[in-house]
């Protein structure tokens, strides 16, 4: 059952840049990348069907459908995932930036 880890890792790799880009641009980039990967996967499925390799259809088709399902979950929860990951990754930078600011003197 190594299909699931491959699909999950692949979906997260595709989703990674969407987290750090502007929200709309990130989602557009993610959906375009997902479309390209899906089209390539469908082309491989068709090539295998023409070559008569029917044993590979079910696992490959299930990976494609599972990838779409994981992608749907990521897109639906994009805002929460984006905020949580950005805060986890960038919180040390924000903390250092706030601590480096000068405190105005009392009475100013």
Protein backbone atom coordinates (compact mmCIF):
# COMPACT_ATOMS: atom_id res chain seq x y z
CA UNK A 1 0.00 0.00 0.00
CA UNK A 2 2.62 2.52 -1.03
CA UNK A 3 0.19 4.44 -3.23
CA UNK A 4 -1.22 6.50 -0.38
CA UNK A 5 2.10 7.96 0.83
CA UNK A 6 3.12 8.78 -2.74
CA UNK A 7 -0.13 10.60 -3.47
CA UNK A 8 -0.10 12.47 -0.16
CA UNK A 9 3.51 13.59 -0.58
CA UNK A 10 2.91 14.55 -4.20
CA UNK A 11 -0.16 16.61 -3.30
CA UNK A 12 1.69 18.39 -0.51
CA UNK A 13 4.64 19.15 -2.79
CA UNK A 14 2.28 20.69 -5.32
CA UNK A 15 0.44 22.59 -2.56
CA UNK A 16 3.61 23.95 -0.91
CA UNK A 17 4.15 27.02 -3.10
CA UNK A 18 0.47 27.97 -2.73
CA UNK A 19 1.08 28.54 0.97
CA UNK A 20 3.75 31.19 0.51
CA UNK A 21 2.37 33.02 -2.53
CA UNK A 22 -0.50 35.47 -2.45
CA UNK A 23 -3.73 33.53 -1.83
CA UNK A 24 -5.24 33.88 -5.30
CA UNK A 25 -1.97 33.42 -7.17
CA UNK A 26 -1.07 30.43 -5.03
CA UNK A 27 -4.38 28.69 -5.67
CA UNK A 28 -4.13 29.41 -9.39
CA UNK A 29 -0.60 27.99 -9.51
CA UNK A 30 -1.71 24.92 -7.54
CA UNK A 31 -4.70 24.25 -9.77
CA UNK A 32 -2.63 24.67 -12.96
CA UNK A 33 0.03 22.29 -11.60
CA UNK A 34 -2.68 19.81 -10.59
CA UNK A 35 -4.20 20.03 -14.06
CA UNK A 36 -0.83 19.37 -15.73
CA UNK A 37 -0.06 16.40 -13.48
CA UNK A 38 -3.56 15.01 -14.08
CA UNK A 39 -3.23 15.35 -17.84
CA UNK A 40 0.14 13.59 -17.80
CA UNK A 41 -1.31 10.83 -15.60
CA UNK A 42 -4.29 10.41 -17.95
CA UNK A 43 -1.91 10.24 -20.93
CA UNK A 44 0.05 7.46 -19.21
CA UNK A 45 -3.21 5.62 -18.50
CA UNK A 46 -4.21 5.87 -22.16
CA UNK A 47 -0.75 4.74 -23.29
CA UNK A 48 -0.96 1.69 -21.03
CA UNK A 49 -4.45 0.91 -22.31
CA UNK A 50 -3.24 1.03 -25.91
CA UNK A 51 -0.24 -1.16 -25.05
CA UNK A 52 -2.54 -3.68 -23.41
CA UNK A 53 -1.17 -3.34 -19.87
CA UNK A 54 -4.49 -3.56 -18.08
CA UNK A 55 -3.05 -4.72 -14.75
CA UNK A 56 -1.83 -1.21 -14.00
CA UNK A 57 -5.13 0.56 -14.63
CA UNK A 58 -6.74 0.14 -11.24
CA UNK A 59 -3.78 1.33 -9.12
CA UNK A 60 -3.03 4.23 -11.46
CA UNK A 61 -6.65 5.31 -11.65
CA UNK A 62 -7.02 5.04 -7.89
CA UNK A 63 -3.92 7.22 -7.43
CA UNK A 64 -5.40 9.83 -9.75
CA UNK A 65 -8.75 9.84 -7.95
CA UNK A 66 -7.07 9.86 -4.54
CA UNK A 67 -4.91 12.78 -5.62
CA UNK A 68 -8.00 14.69 -6.70
CA UNK A 69 -9.70 13.92 -3.38
CA UNK A 70 -6.71 15.09 -1.35
CA UNK A 71 -6.46 18.18 -3.52
CA UNK A 72 -10.14 18.95 -2.96
CA UNK A 73 -9.61 18.77 0.81
CA UNK A 74 -6.55 21.03 0.55
CA UNK A 75 -8.39 23.59 -1.59
CA UNK A 76 -11.45 23.62 0.69
CA UNK A 77 -9.28 24.14 3.79
CA UNK A 78 -6.68 26.34 2.09
CA UNK A 79 -7.16 29.38 4.33
CA UNK A 80 -6.73 27.51 7.61
CA UNK A 81 -3.83 25.42 6.34
CA UNK A 82 -2.13 28.48 4.87
CA UNK A 83 -2.40 30.50 8.09
CA UNK A 84 -1.22 27.65 10.33
CA UNK A 85 1.78 26.73 8.17
CA UNK A 86 2.82 30.34 7.58
CA UNK A 87 2.65 31.07 11.32
CA UNK A 88 4.63 27.92 12.16
CA UNK A 89 7.33 28.70 9.59
CA UNK A 90 7.53 32.49 9.98
CA UNK A 91 6.80 33.00 13.69
CA UNK A 92 10.48 33.15 14.66
CA UNK A 93 11.07 35.84 12.03
CA UNK A 94 8.09 37.87 13.27
CA UNK A 95 9.18 37.53 16.88
CA UNK A 96 12.72 38.68 16.09
CA UNK A 97 11.36 41.62 14.11
CA UNK A 98 9.09 42.74 16.97
CA UNK A 99 11.82 42.36 19.58
CA UNK A 100 14.24 44.36 17.43
CA UNK A 101 11.91 47.38 17.29
CA UNK A 102 12.82 50.25 19.55
CA UNK A 103 10.45 50.95 22.37
CA UNK A 104 9.36 54.61 22.38
CA UNK A 105 10.22 56.48 25.59
CA UNK A 106 7.46 57.00 28.15
CA UNK A 107 5.39 60.10 27.57
CA UNK A 108 5.95 60.26 23.80
